[in-house]
Amino acid sequence: MENVVWLIIMVPCSAVFTIIGIYACHRKKPMWFWSGSTVEETEIADIPAYNRANGRMWILYSLPFWLSSFIGLWDGAAALILFVVNCVIGLPVLVVVYKRIYAKYKR
């Protein structure tokens, strides 16, 4: 039963990051990264390419969460370890990758 609960919790969590990525890829204005901040159109040289890179970043970040979701059906401890590693290591990597994307497409 705990494995099903894990799946019920993790699938929406995984989906949120995937949806952010899809939203970023299709957005017409530049996608932001930090909560409460915006990226002005005048800051970015190639908005579609910037948004696609931003979207790919979020979708790739969601993949370990999806993997953890389904591993949790068989091995809850392994799923939890993957989840924690993705949070602890993945979040700083996400920040670094975003900064590189922003620097690449900044005017």
PDB file of N, CA and C in Angstrom:
ATOM      1  N   MET A   1       0.823  -1.209   0.000  1.00  0.00           N
ATOM      2  CA  MET A   1       0.000   0.000   0.000  1.00  0.00           C
ATOM      3  C   MET A   1       0.858   1.260   0.000  1.00  0.00           C
ATOM      4  N   GLU A   2       1.976   1.246   0.750  1.00  0.00           N
ATOM      5  CA  GLU A   2       2.821   2.439   0.800  1.00  0.00           C
ATOM      6  C   GLU A   2       3.418   2.758  -0.570  1.00  0.00           C
ATOM      7  N   ASN A   3       3.615   1.726  -1.393  1.00  0.00           N
ATOM      8  CA  ASN A   3       4.147   1.957  -2.729  1.00  0.00           C
ATOM      9  C   ASN A   3       3.147   2.713  -3.602  1.00  0.00           C
ATOM     10  N   VAL A   4       1.879   2.416  -3.444  1.00  0.00           N
ATOM     11  CA  VAL A   4       0.842   3.122  -4.200  1.00  0.00           C
ATOM     12  C   VAL A   4       0.730   4.564  -3.720  1.00  0.00           C
ATOM     13  N   VAL A   5       0.853   4.774  -2.420  1.00  0.00           N
ATOM     14  CA  VAL A   5       0.823   6.131  -1.871  1.00  0.00           C
ATOM     15  C   VAL A   5       1.996   6.931  -2.429  1.00  0.00           C
ATOM     16  N   TRP A   6       3.173   6.301  -2.495  1.00  0.00           N
ATOM     17  CA  TRP A   6       4.348   6.964  -3.062  1.00  0.00           C
ATOM     18  C   TRP A   6       4.060   7.398  -4.497  1.00  0.00           C
ATOM     19  N   LEU A   7       3.467   6.506  -5.278  1.00  0.00           N
ATOM     20  CA  LEU A   7       3.145   6.812  -6.669  1.00  0.00           C
ATOM     21  C   LEU A   7       2.138   7.958  -6.760  1.00  0.00           C
ATOM     22  N   ILE A   8       1.136   7.949  -5.908  1.00  0.00           N
ATOM     23  CA  ILE A   8       0.110   9.002  -5.909  1.00  0.00           C
ATOM     24  C   ILE A   8       0.712  10.365  -5.571  1.00  0.00           C
ATOM     25  N   ILE A   9       1.724  10.367  -4.729  1.00  0.00           N
ATOM     26  CA  ILE A   9       2.375  11.625  -4.355  1.00  0.00           C
ATOM     27  C   ILE A   9       3.362  12.071  -5.428  1.00  0.00           C
ATOM     28  N   MET A  10       4.148  11.137  -5.955  1.00  0.00           N
ATOM     29  CA  MET A  10       5.244  11.491  -6.854  1.00  0.00           C
ATOM     30  C   MET A  10       4.808  11.827  -8.280  1.00  0.00           C
ATOM     31  N   VAL A  11       3.769  11.214  -8.778  1.00  0.00           N
ATOM     32  CA  VAL A  11       3.351  11.490 -10.156  1.00  0.00           C
ATOM     33  C   VAL A  11       2.956  12.964 -10.329  1.00  0.00           C
ATOM     34  N   PRO A  12       2.137  13.533  -9.453  1.00  0.00           N
ATOM     35  CA  PRO A  12       1.847  14.969  -9.606  1.00  0.00           C
ATOM     36  C   PRO A  12       3.092  15.847  -9.466  1.00  0.00           C
ATOM     37  N   CYS A  13       3.980  15.485  -8.551  1.00  0.00           N
ATOM     38  CA  CYS A  13       5.222  16.244  -8.371  1.00  0.00           C
ATOM     39  C   CYS A  13       6.048  16.213  -9.656  1.00  0.00           C
ATOM     40  N   SER A  14       6.190  15.032 -10.230  1.00  0.00           N
ATOM     41  CA  SER A  14       6.934  14.879 -11.482  1.00  0.00           C
ATOM     42  C   SER A  14       6.255  15.652 -12.604  1.00  0.00           C
ATOM     43  N   ALA A  15       4.956  15.572 -12.653  1.00  0.00           N
ATOM     44  CA  ALA A  15       4.192  16.230 -13.708  1.00  0.00           C
ATOM     45  C   ALA A  15       4.347  17.743 -13.651  1.00  0.00           C
ATOM     46  N   VAL A  16       4.446  18.295 -12.470  1.00  0.00           N
ATOM     47  CA  VAL A  16       4.596  19.750 -12.337  1.00  0.00           C
ATOM     48  C   VAL A  16       5.846  20.220 -13.069  1.00  0.00           C
ATOM     49  N   PHE A  17       6.975  19.534 -12.864  1.00  0.00           N
ATOM     50  CA  PHE A  17       8.213  19.948 -13.519  1.00  0.00           C
ATOM     51  C   PHE A  17       8.145  19.738 -15.030  1.00  0.00           C
ATOM     52  N   THR A  18       7.506  18.658 -15.452  1.00  0.00           N
ATOM     53  CA  THR A  18       7.343  18.417 -16.884  1.00  0.00           C
ATOM     54  C   THR A  18       6.451  19.484 -17.512  1.00  0.00           C
ATOM     55  N   ILE A  19       5.383  19.840 -16.851  1.00  0.00           N
ATOM     56  CA  ILE A  19       4.465  20.868 -17.357  1.00  0.00           C
ATOM     57  C   ILE A  19       5.153  22.228 -17.418  1.00  0.00           C
ATOM     58  N   ILE A  20       5.983  22.536 -16.432  1.00  0.00           N
ATOM     59  CA  ILE A  20       6.749  23.792 -16.486  1.00  0.00           C
ATOM     60  C   ILE A  20       7.624  23.797 -17.733  1.00  0.00           C
ATOM     61  N   GLY A  21       8.262  22.663 -18.013  1.00  0.00           N
ATOM     62  CA  GLY A  21       9.113  22.564 -19.199  1.00  0.00           C
ATOM     63  C   GLY A  21       8.341  22.740 -20.487  1.00  0.00           C
ATOM     64  N   ILE A  22       7.202  22.099 -20.589  1.00  0.00           N
ATOM     65  CA  ILE A  22       6.373  22.226 -21.791  1.00  0.00           C
ATOM     66  C   ILE A  22       5.867  23.666 -21.936  1.00  0.00           C
ATOM     67  N   TYR A  23       5.448  24.251 -20.830  1.00  0.00           N
ATOM     68  CA  TYR A  23       4.984  25.636 -20.836  1.00  0.00           C
ATOM     69  C   TYR A  23       6.095  26.570 -21.304  1.00  0.00           C
ATOM     70  N   ALA A  24       7.312  26.354 -20.789  1.00  0.00           N
ATOM     71  CA  ALA A  24       8.445  27.203 -21.167  1.00  0.00           C
ATOM     72  C   ALA A  24       8.733  27.087 -22.662  1.00  0.00           C
ATOM     73  N   CYS A  25       8.676  25.878 -23.190  1.00  0.00           N
ATOM     74  CA  CYS A  25       8.954  25.666 -24.623  1.00  0.00           C
ATOM     75  C   CYS A  25       7.966  26.404 -25.520  1.00  0.00           C
ATOM     76  N   HIS A  26       6.738  26.561 -25.081  1.00  0.00           N
ATOM     77  CA  HIS A  26       5.692  27.149 -25.922  1.00  0.00           C
ATOM     78  C   HIS A  26       5.399  28.613 -25.587  1.00  0.00           C
ATOM     79  N   ARG A  27       6.058  29.142 -24.609  1.00  0.00           N
ATOM     80  CA  ARG A  27       5.821  30.520 -24.189  1.00  0.00           C
ATOM     81  C   ARG A  27       6.380  31.490 -25.224  1.00  0.00           C
ATOM     82  N   LYS A  28       5.664  32.573 -25.480  1.00  0.00           N
ATOM     83  CA  LYS A  28       6.100  33.585 -26.453  1.00  0.00           C
ATOM     84  C   LYS A  28       7.064  34.591 -25.840  1.00  0.00           C
ATOM     85  N   LYS A  29       6.842  34.920 -24.573  1.00  0.00           N
ATOM     86  CA  LYS A  29       7.735  35.829 -23.864  1.00  0.00           C
ATOM     87  C   LYS A  29       8.787  35.004 -23.131  1.00  0.00           C
ATOM     88  N   PRO A  30       9.909  35.604 -22.755  1.00  0.00           N
ATOM     89  CA  PRO A  30      10.955  34.838 -22.076  1.00  0.00           C
ATOM     90  C   PRO A  30      10.468  34.222 -20.759  1.00  0.00           C
ATOM     91  N   MET A  31      10.817  32.980 -20.556  1.00  0.00           N
ATOM     92  CA  MET A  31      10.460  32.259 -19.330  1.00  0.00           C
ATOM     93  C   MET A  31      11.402  32.698 -18.212  1.00  0.00           C
ATOM     94  N   TRP A  32      10.865  32.879 -17.043  1.00  0.00           N
ATOM     95  CA  TRP A  32      11.655  33.254 -15.884  1.00  0.00           C
ATOM     96  C   TRP A  32      12.102  31.993 -15.156  1.00  0.00           C
ATOM     97  N   PHE A  33      12.994  32.162 -14.199  1.00  0.00           N
ATOM     98  CA  PHE A  33      13.460  31.037 -13.399  1.00  0.00           C
ATOM     99  C   PHE A  33      13.151  31.253 -11.929  1.00  0.00           C
ATOM    100  N   TRP A  34      13.531  32.397 -11.420  1.00  0.00           N
ATOM    101  CA  TRP A  34      13.355  32.682 -10.005  1.00  0.00           C
ATOM    102  C   TRP A  34      11.920  33.098  -9.717  1.00  0.00           C
ATOM    103  N   SER A  35      11.394  32.652  -8.618  1.00  0.00           N
ATOM    104  CA  SER A  35      10.041  33.009  -8.212  1.00  0.00           C
ATOM    105  C   SER A  35       9.959  34.513  -7.982  1.00  0.00           C
ATOM    106  N   GLY A  36       8.977  35.126  -8.567  1.00  0.00           N
ATOM    107  CA  GLY A  36       8.765  36.555  -8.369  1.00  0.00           C
ATOM    108  C   GLY A  36       9.579  37.434  -9.301  1.00  0.00           C
ATOM    109  N   SER A  37      10.411  36.839 -10.145  1.00  0.00           N
ATOM    110  CA  SER A  37      11.204  37.658 -11.066  1.00  0.00           C
ATOM    111  C   SER A  37      10.663  37.517 -12.480  1.00  0.00           C
ATOM    112  N   THR A  38      11.087  38.401 -13.331  1.00  0.00           N
ATOM    113  CA  THR A  38      10.717  38.326 -14.740  1.00  0.00           C
ATOM    114  C   THR A  38      11.966  38.522 -15.579  1.00  0.00           C
ATOM    115  N   VAL A  39      11.891  38.066 -16.810  1.00  0.00           N
ATOM    116  CA  VAL A  39      12.953  38.294 -17.778  1.00  0.00           C
ATOM    117  C   VAL A  39      12.325  39.119 -18.890  1.00  0.00           C
ATOM    118  N   GLU A  40      12.857  40.296 -19.097  1.00  0.00           N
ATOM    119  CA  GLU A  40      12.307  41.191 -20.110  1.00  0.00           C
ATOM    120  C   GLU A  40      12.703  40.724 -21.506  1.00  0.00           C
ATOM    121  N   GLU A  41      11.839  41.006 -22.468  1.00  0.00           N
ATOM    122  CA  GLU A  41      12.110  40.628 -23.854  1.00  0.00           C
ATOM    123  C   GLU A  41      13.380  41.292 -24.377  1.00  0.00           C
ATOM    124  N   THR A  42      13.683  42.468 -23.865  1.00  0.00           N
ATOM    125  CA  THR A  42      14.880  43.185 -24.313  1.00  0.00           C
ATOM    126  C   THR A  42      16.161  42.550 -23.790  1.00  0.00           C
ATOM    127  N   GLU A  43      16.067  41.686 -22.801  1.00  0.00           N
ATOM    128  CA  GLU A  43      17.247  41.033 -22.222  1.00  0.00           C
ATOM    129  C   GLU A  43      17.724  39.847 -23.049  1.00  0.00           C
ATOM    130  N   ILE A  44      16.834  39.233 -23.835  1.00  0.00           N
ATOM    131  CA  ILE A  44      17.121  37.974 -24.509  1.00  0.00           C
ATOM    132  C   ILE A  44      17.209  38.199 -26.017  1.00  0.00           C
ATOM    133  N   ALA A  45      18.277  37.690 -26.628  1.00  0.00           N
ATOM    134  CA  ALA A  45      18.496  37.868 -28.061  1.00  0.00           C
ATOM    135  C   ALA A  45      17.589  36.955 -28.897  1.00  0.00           C
ATOM    136  N   ASP A  46      17.451  35.696 -28.523  1.00  0.00           N
ATOM    137  CA  ASP A  46      16.647  34.725 -29.279  1.00  0.00           C
ATOM    138  C   ASP A  46      15.656  34.070 -28.317  1.00  0.00           C
ATOM    139  N   ILE A  47      14.483  34.646 -28.195  1.00  0.00           N
ATOM    140  CA  ILE A  47      13.498  34.195 -27.211  1.00  0.00           C
ATOM    141  C   ILE A  47      13.051  32.754 -27.450  1.00  0.00           C
ATOM    142  N   PRO A  48      12.706  32.337 -28.674  1.00  0.00           N
ATOM    143  CA  PRO A  48      12.288  30.938 -28.865  1.00  0.00           C
ATOM    144  C   PRO A  48      13.377  29.935 -28.466  1.00  0.00           C
ATOM    145  N   ALA A  49      14.622  30.200 -28.836  1.00  0.00           N
ATOM    146  CA  ALA A  49      15.713  29.281 -28.479  1.00  0.00           C
ATOM    147  C   ALA A  49      15.945  29.284 -26.967  1.00  0.00           C
ATOM    148  N   TYR A  50      15.877  30.451 -26.358  1.00  0.00           N
ATOM    149  CA  TYR A  50      16.028  30.565 -24.904  1.00  0.00           C
ATOM    150  C   TYR A  50      14.936  29.767 -24.186  1.00  0.00           C
ATOM    151  N   ASN A  51      13.692  29.921 -24.644  1.00  0.00           N
ATOM    152  CA  ASN A  51      12.583  29.201 -24.006  1.00  0.00           C
ATOM    153  C   ASN A  51      12.679  27.692 -24.231  1.00  0.00           C
ATOM    154  N   ARG A  52      13.130  27.264 -25.416  1.00  0.00           N
ATOM    155  CA  ARG A  52      13.307  25.819 -25.653  1.00  0.00           C
ATOM    156  C   ARG A  52      14.379  25.251 -24.733  1.00  0.00           C
ATOM    157  N   ALA A  53      15.486  25.966 -24.583  1.00  0.00           N
ATOM    158  CA  ALA A  53      16.557  25.515 -23.684  1.00  0.00           C
ATOM    159  C   ALA A  53      16.052  25.463 -22.244  1.00  0.00           C
ATOM    160  N   ASN A  54      15.313  26.470 -21.854  1.00  0.00           N
ATOM    161  CA  ASN A  54      14.738  26.516 -20.514  1.00  0.00           C
ATOM    162  C   ASN A  54      13.768  25.352 -20.311  1.00  0.00           C
ATOM    163  N   GLY A  55      12.934  25.091 -21.301  1.00  0.00           N
ATOM    164  CA  GLY A  55      11.983  23.988 -21.223  1.00  0.00           C
ATOM    165  C   GLY A  55      12.663  22.639 -21.148  1.00  0.00           C
ATOM    166  N   ARG A  56      13.700  22.434 -21.974  1.00  0.00           N
ATOM    167  CA  ARG A  56      14.467  21.172 -21.915  1.00  0.00           C
ATOM    168  C   ARG A  56      15.082  20.971 -20.539  1.00  0.00           C
ATOM    169  N   MET A  57      15.586  22.066 -19.956  1.00  0.00           N
ATOM    170  CA  MET A  57      16.184  21.989 -18.625  1.00  0.00           C
ATOM    171  C   MET A  57      15.164  21.458 -17.611  1.00  0.00           C
ATOM    172  N   TRP A  58      13.957  21.993 -17.624  1.00  0.00           N
ATOM    173  CA  TRP A  58      12.926  21.566 -16.678  1.00  0.00           C
ATOM    174  C   TRP A  58      12.473  20.132 -16.935  1.00  0.00           C
ATOM    175  N   ILE A  59      12.335  19.774 -18.200  1.00  0.00           N
ATOM    176  CA  ILE A  59      11.912  18.413 -18.528  1.00  0.00           C
ATOM    177  C   ILE A  59      12.983  17.406 -18.100  1.00  0.00           C
ATOM    178  N   LEU A  60      14.244  17.718 -18.355  1.00  0.00           N
ATOM    179  CA  LEU A  60      15.324  16.823 -17.910  1.00  0.00           C
ATOM    180  C   LEU A  60      15.365  16.724 -16.388  1.00  0.00           C
ATOM    181  N   TYR A  61      15.091  17.836 -15.720  1.00  0.00           N
ATOM    182  CA  TYR A  61      15.052  17.809 -14.258  1.00  0.00           C
ATOM    183  C   TYR A  61      13.925  16.920 -13.753  1.00  0.00           C
ATOM    184  N   SER A  62      12.841  16.830 -14.502  1.00  0.00           N
ATOM    185  CA  SER A  62      11.702  16.021 -14.057  1.00  0.00           C
ATOM    186  C   SER A  62      11.939  14.520 -14.232  1.00  0.00           C
ATOM    187  N   LEU A  63      12.848  14.124 -15.104  1.00  0.00           N
ATOM    188  CA  LEU A  63      13.036  12.701 -15.394  1.00  0.00           C
ATOM    189  C   LEU A  63      13.405  11.851 -14.176  1.00  0.00           C
ATOM    190  N   PRO A  64      14.347  12.282 -13.313  1.00  0.00           N
ATOM    191  CA  PRO A  64      14.611  11.473 -12.121  1.00  0.00           C
ATOM    192  C   PRO A  64      13.399  11.367 -11.188  1.00  0.00           C
ATOM    193  N   PHE A  65      12.561  12.395 -11.172  1.00  0.00           N
ATOM    194  CA  PHE A  65      11.335  12.310 -10.365  1.00  0.00           C
ATOM    195  C   PHE A  65      10.394  11.261 -10.933  1.00  0.00           C
ATOM    196  N   TRP A  66      10.259  11.221 -12.263  1.00  0.00           N
ATOM    197  CA  TRP A  66       9.436  10.188 -12.888  1.00  0.00           C
ATOM    198  C   TRP A  66      10.007   8.807 -12.590  1.00  0.00           C
ATOM    199  N   LEU A  67      11.322   8.677 -12.718  1.00  0.00           N
ATOM    200  CA  LEU A  67      11.965   7.397 -12.443  1.00  0.00           C
ATOM    201  C   LEU A  67      11.732   6.982 -10.996  1.00  0.00           C
ATOM    202  N   SER A  68      11.873   7.916 -10.094  1.00  0.00           N
ATOM    203  CA  SER A  68      11.632   7.651  -8.672  1.00  0.00           C
ATOM    204  C   SER A  68      10.183   7.241  -8.427  1.00  0.00           C
ATOM    205  N   SER A  69       9.271   7.852  -9.168  1.00  0.00           N
ATOM    206  CA  SER A  69       7.850   7.508  -9.020  1.00  0.00           C
ATOM    207  C   SER A  69       7.619   6.027  -9.267  1.00  0.00           C
ATOM    208  N   PHE A  70       8.190   5.524 -10.345  1.00  0.00           N
ATOM    209  CA  PHE A  70       7.922   4.140 -10.723  1.00  0.00           C
ATOM    210  C   PHE A  70       8.822   3.133 -10.009  1.00  0.00           C
ATOM    211  N   ILE A  71      10.028   3.538  -9.642  1.00  0.00           N
ATOM    212  CA  ILE A  71      10.873   2.661  -8.823  1.00  0.00           C
ATOM    213  C   ILE A  71      10.202   2.424  -7.473  1.00  0.00           C
ATOM    214  N   GLY A  72       9.480   3.432  -6.998  1.00  0.00           N
ATOM    215  CA  GLY A  72       8.789   3.331  -5.720  1.00  0.00           C
ATOM    216  C   GLY A  72       7.751   2.225  -5.664  1.00  0.00           C
ATOM    217  N   LEU A  73       7.292   1.765  -6.806  1.00  0.00           N
ATOM    218  CA  LEU A  73       6.345   0.647  -6.811  1.00  0.00           C
ATOM    219  C   LEU A  73       6.999  -0.649  -6.341  1.00  0.00           C
ATOM    220  N   TRP A  74       8.302  -0.782  -6.567  1.00  0.00           N
ATOM    221  CA  TRP A  74       9.008  -2.003  -6.195  1.00  0.00           C
ATOM    222  C   TRP A  74       9.922  -1.842  -4.992  1.00  0.00           C
ATOM    223  N   ASP A  75      10.593  -0.683  -4.913  1.00  0.00           N
ATOM    224  CA  ASP A  75      11.573  -0.488  -3.842  1.00  0.00           C
ATOM    225  C   ASP A  75      11.476   0.948  -3.324  1.00  0.00           C
ATOM    226  N   GLY A  76      10.762   1.110  -2.233  1.00  0.00           N
ATOM    227  CA  GLY A  76      10.540   2.436  -1.668  1.00  0.00           C
ATOM    228  C   GLY A  76      11.813   3.125  -1.219  1.00  0.00           C
ATOM    229  N   ALA A  77      12.754   2.361  -0.663  1.00  0.00           N
ATOM    230  CA  ALA A  77      14.003   2.960  -0.189  1.00  0.00           C
ATOM    231  C   ALA A  77      14.827   3.506  -1.357  1.00  0.00           C
ATOM    232  N   ALA A  78      14.927   2.743  -2.429  1.00  0.00           N
ATOM    233  CA  ALA A  78      15.681   3.206  -3.601  1.00  0.00           C
ATOM    234  C   ALA A  78      15.027   4.441  -4.207  1.00  0.00           C
ATOM    235  N   ALA A  79      13.715   4.454  -4.252  1.00  0.00           N
ATOM    236  CA  ALA A  79      12.986   5.604  -4.793  1.00  0.00           C
ATOM    237  C   ALA A  79      13.232   6.850  -3.943  1.00  0.00           C
ATOM    238  N   LEU A  80      13.210   6.672  -2.643  1.00  0.00           N
ATOM    239  CA  LEU A  80      13.457   7.803  -1.742  1.00  0.00           C
ATOM    240  C   LEU A  80      14.878   8.332  -1.903  1.00  0.00           C
ATOM    241  N   ILE A  81      15.835   7.434  -2.037  1.00  0.00           N
ATOM    242  CA  ILE A  81      17.230   7.858  -2.223  1.00  0.00           C
ATOM    243  C   ILE A  81      17.365   8.652  -3.523  1.00  0.00           C
ATOM    244  N   LEU A  82      16.785   8.153  -4.595  1.00  0.00           N
ATOM    245  CA  LEU A  82      16.837   8.868  -5.877  1.00  0.00           C
ATOM    246  C   LEU A  82      16.163  10.231  -5.768  1.00  0.00           C
ATOM    247  N   PHE A  83      15.050  10.295  -5.087  1.00  0.00           N
ATOM    248  CA  PHE A  83      14.337  11.556  -4.891  1.00  0.00           C
ATOM    249  C   PHE A  83      15.207  12.563  -4.137  1.00  0.00           C
ATOM    250  N   VAL A  84      15.811  12.130  -3.045  1.00  0.00           N
ATOM    251  CA  VAL A  84      16.637  13.025  -2.226  1.00  0.00           C
ATOM    252  C   VAL A  84      17.871  13.474  -3.004  1.00  0.00           C
ATOM    253  N   VAL A  85      18.514  12.549  -3.704  1.00  0.00           N
ATOM    254  CA  VAL A  85      19.692  12.909  -4.501  1.00  0.00           C
ATOM    255  C   VAL A  85      19.310  13.933  -5.564  1.00  0.00           C
ATOM    256  N   ASN A  86      18.175  13.734  -6.219  1.00  0.00           N
ATOM    257  CA  ASN A  86      17.744  14.693  -7.237  1.00  0.00           C
ATOM    258  C   ASN A  86      17.474  16.066  -6.625  1.00  0.00           C
ATOM    259  N   CYS A  87      16.945  16.100  -5.436  1.00  0.00           N
ATOM    260  CA  CYS A  87      16.700  17.387  -4.783  1.00  0.00           C
ATOM    261  C   CYS A  87      18.009  18.044  -4.342  1.00  0.00           C
ATOM    262  N   VAL A  88      18.864  17.285  -3.693  1.00  0.00           N
ATOM    263  CA  VAL A  88      20.092  17.849  -3.119  1.00  0.00           C
ATOM    264  C   VAL A  88      21.096  18.228  -4.201  1.00  0.00           C
ATOM    265  N   ILE A  89      21.265  17.380  -5.195  1.00  0.00           N
ATOM    266  CA  ILE A  89      22.231  17.655  -6.259  1.00  0.00           C
ATOM    267  C   ILE A  89      21.556  18.361  -7.435  1.00  0.00           C
ATOM    268  N   GLY A  90      20.346  17.953  -7.746  1.00  0.00           N
ATOM    269  CA  GLY A  90      19.659  18.489  -8.914  1.00  0.00           C
ATOM    270  C   GLY A  90      19.332  19.968  -8.829  1.00  0.00           C
ATOM    271  N   LEU A  91      18.935  20.445  -7.670  1.00  0.00           N
ATOM    272  CA  LEU A  91      18.574  21.866  -7.552  1.00  0.00           C
ATOM    273  C   LEU A  91      19.763  22.794  -7.811  1.00  0.00           C
ATOM    274  N   PRO A  92      20.930  22.556  -7.191  1.00  0.00           N
ATOM    275  CA  PRO A  92      22.073  23.429  -7.527  1.00  0.00           C
ATOM    276  C   PRO A  92      22.476  23.317  -9.003  1.00  0.00           C
ATOM    277  N   VAL A  93      22.397  22.120  -9.562  1.00  0.00           N
ATOM    278  CA  VAL A  93      22.710  21.942 -10.982  1.00  0.00           C
ATOM    279  C   VAL A  93      21.711  22.730 -11.828  1.00  0.00           C
ATOM    280  N   LEU A  94      20.458  22.717 -11.445  1.00  0.00           N
ATOM    281  CA  LEU A  94      19.418  23.466 -12.153  1.00  0.00           C
ATOM    282  C   LEU A  94      19.758  24.957 -12.188  1.00  0.00           C
ATOM    283  N   VAL A  95      20.206  25.493 -11.072  1.00  0.00           N
ATOM    284  CA  VAL A  95      20.574  26.912 -11.000  1.00  0.00           C
ATOM    285  C   VAL A  95      21.750  27.203 -11.927  1.00  0.00           C
ATOM    286  N   VAL A  96      22.767  26.354 -11.899  1.00  0.00           N
ATOM    287  CA  VAL A  96      23.946  26.551 -12.747  1.00  0.00           C
ATOM    288  C   VAL A  96      23.564  26.467 -14.222  1.00  0.00           C
ATOM    289  N   VAL A  97      22.762  25.477 -14.579  1.00  0.00           N
ATOM    290  CA  VAL A  97      22.336  25.325 -15.977  1.00  0.00           C
ATOM    291  C   VAL A  97      21.528  26.534 -16.418  1.00  0.00           C
ATOM    292  N   TYR A  98      20.618  27.008 -15.571  1.00  0.00           N
ATOM    293  CA  TYR A  98      19.827  28.181 -15.949  1.00  0.00           C
ATOM    294  C   TYR A  98      20.732  29.390 -16.164  1.00  0.00           C
ATOM    295  N   LYS A  99      21.696  29.597 -15.296  1.00  0.00           N
ATOM    296  CA  LYS A  99      22.593  30.742 -15.451  1.00  0.00           C
ATOM    297  C   LYS A  99      23.352  30.656 -16.771  1.00  0.00           C
ATOM    298  N   ARG A 100      23.729  29.450 -17.179  1.00  0.00           N
ATOM    299  CA  ARG A 100      24.412  29.284 -18.468  1.00  0.00           C
ATOM    300  C   ARG A 100      23.462  29.576 -19.631  1.00  0.00           C
ATOM    301  N   ILE A 101      22.235  29.113 -19.513  1.00  0.00           N
ATOM    302  CA  ILE A 101      21.244  29.403 -20.565  1.00  0.00           C
ATOM    303  C   ILE A 101      21.028  30.904 -20.669  1.00  0.00           C
ATOM    304  N   TYR A 102      20.858  31.556 -19.533  1.00  0.00           N
ATOM    305  CA  TYR A 102      20.625  33.010 -19.541  1.00  0.00           C
ATOM    306  C   TYR A 102      21.822  33.737 -20.149  1.00  0.00           C
ATOM    307  N   ALA A 103      23.028  33.337 -19.755  1.00  0.00           N
ATOM    308  CA  ALA A 103      24.239  33.992 -20.286  1.00  0.00           C
ATOM    309  C   ALA A 103      24.371  33.770 -21.798  1.00  0.00           C
ATOM    310  N   LYS A 104      23.999  32.596 -22.266  1.00  0.00           N
ATOM    311  CA  LYS A 104      24.117  32.295 -23.696  1.00  0.00           C
ATOM    312  C   LYS A 104      23.179  33.155 -24.537  1.00  0.00           C
ATOM    313  N   TYR A 105      21.978  33.398 -24.045  1.00  0.00           N
ATOM    314  CA  TYR A 105      20.973  34.113 -24.834  1.00  0.00           C
ATOM    315  C   TYR A 105      20.805  35.581 -24.438  1.00  0.00           C
ATOM    316  N   LYS A 106      21.574  36.052 -23.479  1.00  0.00           N
ATOM    317  CA  LYS A 106      21.489  37.448 -23.057  1.00  0.00           C
ATOM    318  C   LYS A 106      22.050  38.357 -24.137  1.00  0.00           C
ATOM    319  N   ARG A 107      21.377  39.482 -24.328  1.00  0.00           N
ATOM    320  CA  ARG A 107      21.856  40.474 -25.315  1.00  0.00           C
ATOM    321  C   ARG A 107      23.111  41.141 -24.839  1.00  0.00           C
TER     322      ARG A 107
END
